[in-house]
Amino acid sequence: MPRLIVSFENEPSKTYDIREPVITIGRLPENTISIVNMGVSRRHSRIELDADGNYVISDLNSLNGTFVNSARVARTVLADGDKILIGQHAITFENDDAVRVTVDRDEAEHDENATAARTRTTPTPESEDVRLVTAAESAIDERPAEKDNGPAPEPADRDKAAAHPGCPMLIETNKHVVYKLDKPITTLGNSENDDIFVDGMFIDEQHIVIEKRDDGVWLSSKKLLGPIKVNGKKTKLHCLQHKDRIEIGTSTFRYMENE
């Protein structure tokens, strides 16, 4: 059975057998694997079983990124023994099924090579040639897909602001988490589909929309409940200014222009 072994400072802390088609990793307790660490985003990564039977890990637009075998990835197929780094925690992916497939493939290739060597000196019936082609195609089909290791690692967290000049951001002041506003529209709310998760009474999906316009970066909300405050005043529409203080639900953010 496939499994994930979570380690901290090279010491294994917990093993998770993969029994579901989708595994989520993040700081929130509702994740399959919850890692309480400030270097881990609320919803950091997802591992899912694809149509070909491969386990694929995807980064969920996390701040500090997801790394597999020291390379930062956006999405890649996992192989037995791969090391996943999320924050300060290492997660080893083990898949006994993949090991058995590899052994079977190696044996098939060995048999194929031995049979091909015999065909060079001994004529074989047409049926033998058909079996050879089938065995070769089978071996090719079973080869694991090449990994997409994604872009190269970005600079250290403390250098990220300098590495993205002109990119505004929100800093969640009570948790010291930084969110880059690098998309035309960023949503805040209590849904997994929101870019930034916010909890609290009456907080809904897409509770706040932050939109980049020609005349500035605008915060807006069409929700009747769940008040929003900017610099202590309730508002539904506001053009954000450097160091504005935003309060929503249980979270407080500081808007930074980073110019």
C-alpha atoms as a PDB file:
ATOM      1  CA  MET A   1       0.000   0.000   0.000  1.00  0.00           C
ATOM      2  CA  PRO A   2       1.333   3.493  -0.830  1.00  0.00           C
ATOM      3  CA  ARG A   3       2.265   5.561   2.211  1.00  0.00           C
ATOM      4  CA  LEU A   4       3.643   8.937   3.266  1.00  0.00           C
ATOM      5  CA  ILE A   5       6.195   9.159   6.088  1.00  0.00           C
ATOM      6  CA  VAL A   6       6.405  12.605   7.698  1.00  0.00           C
ATOM      7  CA  SER A   7       9.734  13.555   9.310  1.00  0.00           C
ATOM      8  CA  PHE A   8      10.993  16.577  11.179  1.00  0.00           C
ATOM      9  CA  GLU A   9      14.719  17.162  11.619  1.00  0.00           C
ATOM     10  CA  ASN A  10      15.385  13.709  10.104  1.00  0.00           C
ATOM     11  CA  GLU A  11      13.202  12.007  12.725  1.00  0.00           C
ATOM     12  CA  PRO A  12      10.058  10.214  11.417  1.00  0.00           C
ATOM     13  CA  SER A  13       6.999  11.467  13.302  1.00  0.00           C
ATOM     14  CA  LYS A  14       4.006   9.831  11.601  1.00  0.00           C
ATOM     15  CA  THR A  15       3.109   7.471   8.750  1.00  0.00           C
ATOM     16  CA  TYR A  16      -0.028   7.884   6.638  1.00  0.00           C
ATOM     17  CA  ASP A  17      -1.326   5.023   4.499  1.00  0.00           C
ATOM     18  CA  ILE A  18      -2.832   6.399   1.287  1.00  0.00           C
ATOM     19  CA  ARG A  19      -6.372   4.984   1.247  1.00  0.00           C
ATOM     20  CA  GLU A  20      -8.118   7.879  -0.529  1.00  0.00           C
ATOM     21  CA  PRO A  21      -7.720   9.121  -4.129  1.00  0.00           C
ATOM     22  CA  VAL A  22      -6.970  12.658  -2.881  1.00  0.00           C
ATOM     23  CA  ILE A  23      -4.639  13.644  -0.015  1.00  0.00           C
ATOM     24  CA  THR A  24      -4.339  17.277   1.101  1.00  0.00           C
ATOM     25  CA  ILE A  25      -1.413  18.735   3.026  1.00  0.00           C
ATOM     26  CA  GLY A  26      -1.488  22.051   4.867  1.00  0.00           C
ATOM     27  CA  ARG A  27      -1.687  23.939   8.136  1.00  0.00           C
ATOM     28  CA  LEU A  28      -5.466  23.723   8.583  1.00  0.00           C
ATOM     29  CA  PRO A  29      -6.716  20.812  10.724  1.00  0.00           C
ATOM     30  CA  GLU A  30      -9.148  19.616   8.034  1.00  0.00           C
ATOM     31  CA  ASN A  31      -6.257  18.596   5.775  1.00  0.00           C
ATOM     32  CA  THR A  32      -5.481  14.878   5.508  1.00  0.00           C
ATOM     33  CA  ILE A  33      -1.970  15.700   6.735  1.00  0.00           C
ATOM     34  CA  SER A  34      -1.995  18.741   9.005  1.00  0.00           C
ATOM     35  CA  ILE A  35       1.398  20.357   9.654  1.00  0.00           C
ATOM     36  CA  VAL A  36       1.275  23.187  12.178  1.00  0.00           C
ATOM     37  CA  ASN A  37       4.209  25.301  11.050  1.00  0.00           C
ATOM     38  CA  MET A  38       4.325  28.913   9.875  1.00  0.00           C
ATOM     39  CA  GLY A  39       6.282  27.852   6.789  1.00  0.00           C
ATOM     40  CA  VAL A  40       3.291  25.770   5.668  1.00  0.00           C
ATOM     41  CA  SER A  41       0.311  27.383   3.933  1.00  0.00           C
ATOM     42  CA  ARG A  42      -3.254  26.635   4.998  1.00  0.00           C
ATOM     43  CA  ARG A  43      -3.739  24.522   1.890  1.00  0.00           C
ATOM     44  CA  HIS A  44      -0.223  23.807   0.724  1.00  0.00           C
ATOM     45  CA  SER A  45      -0.230  20.729  -1.546  1.00  0.00           C
ATOM     46  CA  ARG A  46      -2.459  17.994  -2.905  1.00  0.00           C
ATOM     47  CA  ILE A  47      -1.621  14.407  -3.878  1.00  0.00           C
ATOM     48  CA  GLU A  48      -4.104  12.613  -6.117  1.00  0.00           C
ATOM     49  CA  LEU A  49      -4.368   9.409  -8.099  1.00  0.00           C
ATOM     50  CA  ASP A  50      -4.615  10.088 -11.831  1.00  0.00           C
ATOM     51  CA  ALA A  51      -6.291   8.020 -14.557  1.00  0.00           C
ATOM     52  CA  ASP A  52      -3.052   6.160 -15.272  1.00  0.00           C
ATOM     53  CA  GLY A  53      -2.669   4.974 -11.680  1.00  0.00           C
ATOM     54  CA  ASN A  54       0.124   7.452 -10.861  1.00  0.00           C
ATOM     55  CA  TYR A  55       0.203   9.574  -7.713  1.00  0.00           C
ATOM     56  CA  VAL A  56       0.604  13.234  -8.683  1.00  0.00           C
ATOM     57  CA  ILE A  57       1.525  16.052  -6.292  1.00  0.00           C
ATOM     58  CA  SER A  58       0.388  19.625  -7.020  1.00  0.00           C
ATOM     59  CA  ASP A  59       1.342  22.831  -5.258  1.00  0.00           C
ATOM     60  CA  LEU A  60      -1.728  24.872  -4.270  1.00  0.00           C
ATOM     61  CA  ASN A  61      -0.159  28.280  -4.886  1.00  0.00           C
ATOM     62  CA  SER A  62       1.623  28.071  -1.533  1.00  0.00           C
ATOM     63  CA  LEU A  63       3.872  30.906  -0.402  1.00  0.00           C
ATOM     64  CA  ASN A  64       7.002  28.860   0.253  1.00  0.00           C
ATOM     65  CA  GLY A  65       6.486  26.251  -2.449  1.00  0.00           C
ATOM     66  CA  THR A  66       6.524  22.463  -2.676  1.00  0.00           C
ATOM     67  CA  PHE A  67       9.803  20.670  -3.382  1.00  0.00           C
ATOM     68  CA  VAL A  68      10.383  17.121  -4.621  1.00  0.00           C
ATOM     69  CA  ASN A  69      13.954  15.842  -4.421  1.00  0.00           C
ATOM     70  CA  SER A  70      15.170  19.442  -3.845  1.00  0.00           C
ATOM     71  CA  ALA A  71      13.454  20.829  -6.987  1.00  0.00           C
ATOM     72  CA  ARG A  72      10.493  23.183  -6.689  1.00  0.00           C
ATOM     73  CA  VAL A  73       7.460  21.773  -8.489  1.00  0.00           C
ATOM     74  CA  ALA A  74       4.050  22.978  -9.572  1.00  0.00           C
ATOM     75  CA  ARG A  75       2.853  19.492 -10.485  1.00  0.00           C
ATOM     76  CA  THR A  76       4.741  16.222 -10.900  1.00  0.00           C
ATOM     77  CA  VAL A  77       4.320  12.445 -10.789  1.00  0.00           C
ATOM     78  CA  LEU A  78       5.673  10.841  -7.616  1.00  0.00           C
ATOM     79  CA  ALA A  79       7.955   7.812  -7.729  1.00  0.00           C
ATOM     80  CA  ASP A  80       8.755   5.366  -4.934  1.00  0.00           C
ATOM     81  CA  GLY A  81      11.298   6.921  -2.564  1.00  0.00           C
ATOM     82  CA  ASP A  82      10.718  10.554  -3.585  1.00  0.00           C
ATOM     83  CA  LYS A  83      11.405  13.138  -0.872  1.00  0.00           C
ATOM     84  CA  ILE A  84       8.841  15.933  -0.548  1.00  0.00           C
ATOM     85  CA  LEU A  85       9.831  19.074   1.357  1.00  0.00           C
ATOM     86  CA  ILE A  86       7.064  21.275   2.763  1.00  0.00           C
ATOM     87  CA  GLY A  87       8.223  23.986   5.136  1.00  0.00           C
ATOM     88  CA  GLN A  88      10.618  22.356   7.593  1.00  0.00           C
ATOM     89  CA  HIS A  89       9.036  18.918   7.225  1.00  0.00           C
ATOM     90  CA  ALA A  90      10.180  16.144   4.892  1.00  0.00           C
ATOM     91  CA  ILE A  91       7.689  13.604   3.563  1.00  0.00           C
ATOM     92  CA  THR A  92       8.858  10.355   1.979  1.00  0.00           C
ATOM     93  CA  PHE A  93       6.586   8.753  -0.602  1.00  0.00           C
ATOM     94  CA  GLU A  94       6.711   4.957  -0.583  1.00  0.00           C
ATOM     95  CA  ASN A  95       4.806   2.812  -3.056  1.00  0.00           C
ATOM     96  CA  ASP A  96       5.274  -0.970  -2.858  1.00  0.00           C
ATOM     97  CA  ASP A  97       2.993  -1.382  -5.871  1.00  0.00           C
ATOM     98  CA  ALA A  98       5.355   0.719  -7.976  1.00  0.00           C
ATOM     99  CA  VAL A  99       8.294  -1.430  -6.866  1.00  0.00           C
ATOM    100  CA  ARG A 100       6.488  -4.578  -7.993  1.00  0.00           C
ATOM    101  CA  VAL A 101       5.674  -2.999 -11.362  1.00  0.00           C
ATOM    102  CA  THR A 102       9.340  -2.063 -11.808  1.00  0.00           C
ATOM    103  CA  VAL A 103      10.468  -5.609 -11.034  1.00  0.00           C
ATOM    104  CA  ASP A 104       7.916  -7.056 -13.439  1.00  0.00           C
ATOM    105  CA  ARG A 105       9.008  -4.622 -16.136  1.00  0.00           C
ATOM    106  CA  ASP A 106      12.686  -5.502 -15.649  1.00  0.00           C
ATOM    107  CA  GLU A 107      11.888  -9.204 -15.914  1.00  0.00           C
ATOM    108  CA  ALA A 108       9.842  -8.574 -19.065  1.00  0.00           C
ATOM    109  CA  GLU A 109      12.684  -6.605 -20.631  1.00  0.00           C
ATOM    110  CA  HIS A 110      15.163  -9.350 -19.722  1.00  0.00           C
ATOM    111  CA  ASP A 111      12.940 -11.994 -21.323  1.00  0.00           C
ATOM    112  CA  GLU A 112      12.451  -9.790 -24.364  1.00  0.00           C
ATOM    113  CA  ASN A 113      16.195  -9.284 -24.841  1.00  0.00           C
ATOM    114  CA  ALA A 114      16.859 -13.006 -24.459  1.00  0.00           C
ATOM    115  CA  THR A 115      14.147 -13.864 -26.986  1.00  0.00           C
ATOM    116  CA  ALA A 116      15.398 -11.194 -29.415  1.00  0.00           C
ATOM    117  CA  ALA A 117      18.911 -12.634 -29.200  1.00  0.00           C
ATOM    118  CA  ARG A 118      17.578 -16.064 -30.116  1.00  0.00           C
ATOM    119  CA  THR A 119      15.660 -14.675 -33.102  1.00  0.00           C
ATOM    120  CA  ARG A 120      18.877 -13.346 -34.610  1.00  0.00           C
ATOM    121  CA  THR A 121      20.159 -16.942 -35.064  1.00  0.00           C
ATOM    122  CA  THR A 122      17.007 -19.059 -35.086  1.00  0.00           C
ATOM    123  CA  PRO A 123      14.024 -18.370 -37.360  1.00  0.00           C
ATOM    124  CA  THR A 124      10.710 -18.203 -35.479  1.00  0.00           C
ATOM    125  CA  PRO A 125       7.123 -18.551 -36.648  1.00  0.00           C
ATOM    126  CA  GLU A 126       5.068 -15.450 -37.304  1.00  0.00           C
ATOM    127  CA  SER A 127       3.202 -15.966 -34.025  1.00  0.00           C
ATOM    128  CA  GLU A 128       6.492 -15.608 -32.120  1.00  0.00           C
ATOM    129  CA  ASP A 129       7.155 -12.254 -33.815  1.00  0.00           C
ATOM    130  CA  VAL A 130       3.698 -11.041 -32.732  1.00  0.00           C
ATOM    131  CA  ARG A 131       4.416 -12.010 -29.117  1.00  0.00           C
ATOM    132  CA  LEU A 132       7.758 -10.180 -29.219  1.00  0.00           C
ATOM    133  CA  VAL A 133       6.137  -6.965 -30.453  1.00  0.00           C
ATOM    134  CA  THR A 134       3.422  -7.234 -27.797  1.00  0.00           C
ATOM    135  CA  ALA A 135       5.978  -7.738 -25.013  1.00  0.00           C
ATOM    136  CA  ALA A 136       8.014  -4.748 -26.213  1.00  0.00           C
ATOM    137  CA  GLU A 137       4.962  -2.484 -26.382  1.00  0.00           C
ATOM    138  CA  SER A 138       3.880  -3.643 -22.909  1.00  0.00           C
ATOM    139  CA  ALA A 139       7.273  -2.804 -21.434  1.00  0.00           C
ATOM    140  CA  ILE A 140       7.158   0.672 -23.000  1.00  0.00           C
ATOM    141  CA  ASP A 141       3.613   1.318 -21.723  1.00  0.00           C
ATOM    142  CA  GLU A 142       4.633   0.429 -18.151  1.00  0.00           C
ATOM    143  CA  ARG A 143       7.513   2.888 -18.025  1.00  0.00           C
ATOM    144  CA  PRO A 144       6.694   5.680 -15.552  1.00  0.00           C
ATOM    145  CA  ALA A 145       5.989   9.124 -16.935  1.00  0.00           C
ATOM    146  CA  GLU A 146       8.848  11.615 -16.857  1.00  0.00           C
ATOM    147  CA  LYS A 147       8.716  14.083 -14.027  1.00  0.00           C
ATOM    148  CA  ASP A 148       7.875  17.701 -14.550  1.00  0.00           C
ATOM    149  CA  ASN A 149      10.079  19.283 -11.943  1.00  0.00           C
ATOM    150  CA  GLY A 150       8.638  22.702 -12.656  1.00  0.00           C
ATOM    151  CA  PRO A 151      10.560  25.951 -12.317  1.00  0.00           C
ATOM    152  CA  ALA A 152      13.858  26.259 -10.490  1.00  0.00           C
ATOM    153  CA  PRO A 153      13.742  27.132  -6.770  1.00  0.00           C
ATOM    154  CA  GLU A 154      12.979  30.759  -5.965  1.00  0.00           C
ATOM    155  CA  PRO A 155      15.065  32.919  -3.597  1.00  0.00           C
ATOM    156  CA  ALA A 156      14.751  32.476   0.174  1.00  0.00           C
ATOM    157  CA  ASP A 157      11.571  33.755   1.790  1.00  0.00           C
ATOM    158  CA  ARG A 158      13.205  36.876   3.146  1.00  0.00           C
ATOM    159  CA  ASP A 159      14.265  37.847  -0.387  1.00  0.00           C
ATOM    160  CA  LYS A 160      10.893  37.234  -2.053  1.00  0.00           C
ATOM    161  CA  ALA A 161       9.720  40.815  -1.814  1.00  0.00           C
ATOM    162  CA  ALA A 162      12.890  42.033  -3.515  1.00  0.00           C
ATOM    163  CA  ALA A 163      12.553  39.315  -6.146  1.00  0.00           C
ATOM    164  CA  HIS A 164       9.073  40.594  -7.126  1.00  0.00           C
ATOM    165  CA  PRO A 165       9.370  44.383  -7.444  1.00  0.00           C
ATOM    166  CA  GLY A 166       6.049  46.136  -7.859  1.00  0.00           C
ATOM    167  CA  CYS A 167       4.014  43.120  -6.730  1.00  0.00           C
ATOM    168  CA  PRO A 168       1.609  44.171  -3.950  1.00  0.00           C
ATOM    169  CA  MET A 169       0.947  41.808  -1.077  1.00  0.00           C
ATOM    170  CA  LEU A 170      -1.157  41.166   1.981  1.00  0.00           C
ATOM    171  CA  ILE A 171       0.529  40.366   5.283  1.00  0.00           C
ATOM    172  CA  GLU A 172      -1.646  38.522   7.799  1.00  0.00           C
ATOM    173  CA  THR A 173      -0.309  40.334  10.841  1.00  0.00           C
ATOM    174  CA  ASN A 174      -1.488  37.962  13.564  1.00  0.00           C
ATOM    175  CA  LYS A 175       0.094  34.941  11.853  1.00  0.00           C
ATOM    176  CA  HIS A 176       2.987  36.589   9.963  1.00  0.00           C
ATOM    177  CA  VAL A 177       1.966  35.019   6.649  1.00  0.00           C
ATOM    178  CA  VAL A 178       2.597  36.838   3.357  1.00  0.00           C
ATOM    179  CA  TYR A 179       0.307  36.530   0.320  1.00  0.00           C
ATOM    180  CA  LYS A 180       1.438  37.926  -3.034  1.00  0.00           C
ATOM    181  CA  LEU A 181      -1.278  39.661  -5.044  1.00  0.00           C
ATOM    182  CA  ASP A 182       0.215  38.521  -8.346  1.00  0.00           C
ATOM    183  CA  LYS A 183      -3.085  37.837 -10.150  1.00  0.00           C
ATOM    184  CA  PRO A 184      -5.558  40.300 -11.688  1.00  0.00           C
ATOM    185  CA  ILE A 185      -8.197  39.171  -9.186  1.00  0.00           C
ATOM    186  CA  THR A 186      -7.602  37.651  -5.739  1.00  0.00           C
ATOM    187  CA  THR A 187     -10.430  36.344  -3.566  1.00  0.00           C
ATOM    188  CA  LEU A 188     -10.633  35.993   0.208  1.00  0.00           C
ATOM    189  CA  GLY A 189     -13.216  33.731   1.830  1.00  0.00           C
ATOM    190  CA  ASN A 190     -13.933  30.481   3.605  1.00  0.00           C
ATOM    191  CA  SER A 191     -13.917  28.229   0.526  1.00  0.00           C
ATOM    192  CA  GLU A 192     -11.148  25.962  -0.684  1.00  0.00           C
ATOM    193  CA  ASN A 193     -11.546  27.735  -4.027  1.00  0.00           C
ATOM    194  CA  ASP A 194     -10.556  31.107  -2.542  1.00  0.00           C
ATOM    195  CA  ASP A 195      -6.991  32.302  -2.989  1.00  0.00           C
ATOM    196  CA  ILE A 196      -6.717  33.312   0.677  1.00  0.00           C
ATOM    197  CA  PHE A 197      -8.655  31.414   3.343  1.00  0.00           C
ATOM    198  CA  VAL A 198     -10.440  33.499   5.977  1.00  0.00           C
ATOM    199  CA  ASP A 199     -12.479  32.077   8.836  1.00  0.00           C
ATOM    200  CA  GLY A 200     -15.071  33.711  11.019  1.00  0.00           C
ATOM    201  CA  MET A 201     -18.790  34.215  11.578  1.00  0.00           C
ATOM    202  CA  PHE A 202     -20.784  35.010   8.409  1.00  0.00           C
ATOM    203  CA  ILE A 203     -17.693  34.701   6.196  1.00  0.00           C
ATOM    204  CA  ASP A 204     -18.665  33.264   2.819  1.00  0.00           C
ATOM    205  CA  GLU A 205     -16.972  32.149  -0.387  1.00  0.00           C
ATOM    206  CA  GLN A 206     -15.383  35.074  -2.282  1.00  0.00           C
ATOM    207  CA  HIS A 207     -16.262  37.343   0.599  1.00  0.00           C
ATOM    208  CA  ILE A 208     -13.704  39.900  -0.543  1.00  0.00           C
ATOM    209  CA  VAL A 209     -12.493  40.501  -4.093  1.00  0.00           C
ATOM    210  CA  ILE A 210      -9.223  42.391  -4.627  1.00  0.00           C
ATOM    211  CA  GLU A 211      -8.922  43.542  -8.233  1.00  0.00           C
ATOM    212  CA  LYS A 212      -6.062  45.266 -10.036  1.00  0.00           C
ATOM    213  CA  ARG A 213      -7.411  48.115 -12.166  1.00  0.00           C
ATOM    214  CA  ASP A 214      -5.824  50.909 -14.171  1.00  0.00           C
ATOM    215  CA  ASP A 215      -6.616  53.356 -11.376  1.00  0.00           C
ATOM    216  CA  GLY A 216      -5.308  51.194  -8.526  1.00  0.00           C
ATOM    217  CA  VAL A 217      -5.929  48.059  -6.488  1.00  0.00           C
ATOM    218  CA  TRP A 218      -9.548  47.890  -5.329  1.00  0.00           C
ATOM    219  CA  LEU A 219     -11.108  45.916  -2.494  1.00  0.00           C
ATOM    220  CA  SER A 220     -14.808  45.166  -2.816  1.00  0.00           C
ATOM    221  CA  SER A 221     -17.503  42.984  -1.278  1.00  0.00           C
ATOM    222  CA  LYS A 222     -21.142  42.321  -2.151  1.00  0.00           C
ATOM    223  CA  LYS A 223     -21.878  40.306   0.990  1.00  0.00           C
ATOM    224  CA  LEU A 224     -24.510  41.639   3.371  1.00  0.00           C
ATOM    225  CA  LEU A 225     -23.117  39.923   6.466  1.00  0.00           C
ATOM    226  CA  GLY A 226     -19.576  39.608   7.736  1.00  0.00           C
ATOM    227  CA  PRO A 227     -18.433  43.247   7.971  1.00  0.00           C
ATOM    228  CA  ILE A 228     -15.129  44.396   6.475  1.00  0.00           C
ATOM    229  CA  LYS A 229     -13.090  47.174   8.032  1.00  0.00           C
ATOM    230  CA  VAL A 230     -10.301  49.149   6.421  1.00  0.00           C
ATOM    231  CA  ASN A 231      -8.328  51.272   8.885  1.00  0.00           C
ATOM    232  CA  GLY A 232     -11.092  50.739  11.446  1.00  0.00           C
ATOM    233  CA  LYS A 233     -14.012  51.817   9.216  1.00  0.00           C
ATOM    234  CA  LYS A 234     -16.625  49.514   7.682  1.00  0.00           C
ATOM    235  CA  THR A 235     -16.580  49.505   3.904  1.00  0.00           C
ATOM    236  CA  LYS A 236     -17.806  47.658   0.811  1.00  0.00           C
ATOM    237  CA  LEU A 237     -15.519  49.361  -1.720  1.00  0.00           C
ATOM    238  CA  HIS A 238     -12.079  50.819  -1.156  1.00  0.00           C
ATOM    239  CA  CYS A 239      -9.013  51.715  -3.237  1.00  0.00           C
ATOM    240  CA  LEU A 240      -6.154  50.212  -1.249  1.00  0.00           C
ATOM    241  CA  GLN A 241      -3.263  52.395  -0.153  1.00  0.00           C
ATOM    242  CA  HIS A 242       0.140  51.407   1.184  1.00  0.00           C
ATOM    243  CA  LYS A 243      -0.077  50.039   4.762  1.00  0.00           C
ATOM    244  CA  ASP A 244      -3.904  49.922   4.831  1.00  0.00           C
ATOM    245  CA  ARG A 245      -5.188  47.719   7.649  1.00  0.00           C
ATOM    246  CA  ILE A 246      -7.906  45.237   6.620  1.00  0.00           C
ATOM    247  CA  GLU A 247     -10.053  43.347   9.136  1.00  0.00           C
ATOM    248  CA  ILE A 248     -12.252  40.429   8.073  1.00  0.00           C
ATOM    249  CA  GLY A 249     -13.527  37.579  10.248  1.00  0.00           C
ATOM    250  CA  THR A 250     -10.781  36.474  12.606  1.00  0.00           C
ATOM    251  CA  SER A 251      -7.985  37.801  10.370  1.00  0.00           C
ATOM    252  CA  THR A 252      -6.183  41.114  10.112  1.00  0.00           C
ATOM    253  CA  PHE A 253      -4.117  42.020   7.047  1.00  0.00           C
ATOM    254  CA  ARG A 254      -1.747  44.821   6.150  1.00  0.00           C
ATOM    255  CA  TYR A 255      -1.653  45.862   2.478  1.00  0.00           C
ATOM    256  CA  MET A 256       1.852  46.575   1.190  1.00  0.00           C
ATOM    257  CA  GLU A 257       2.580  48.013  -2.250  1.00  0.00           C
ATOM    258  CA  ASN A 258       6.188  46.696  -2.312  1.00  0.00           C
ATOM    259  CA  GLU A 259       7.465  49.218  -4.832  1.00  0.00           C
END
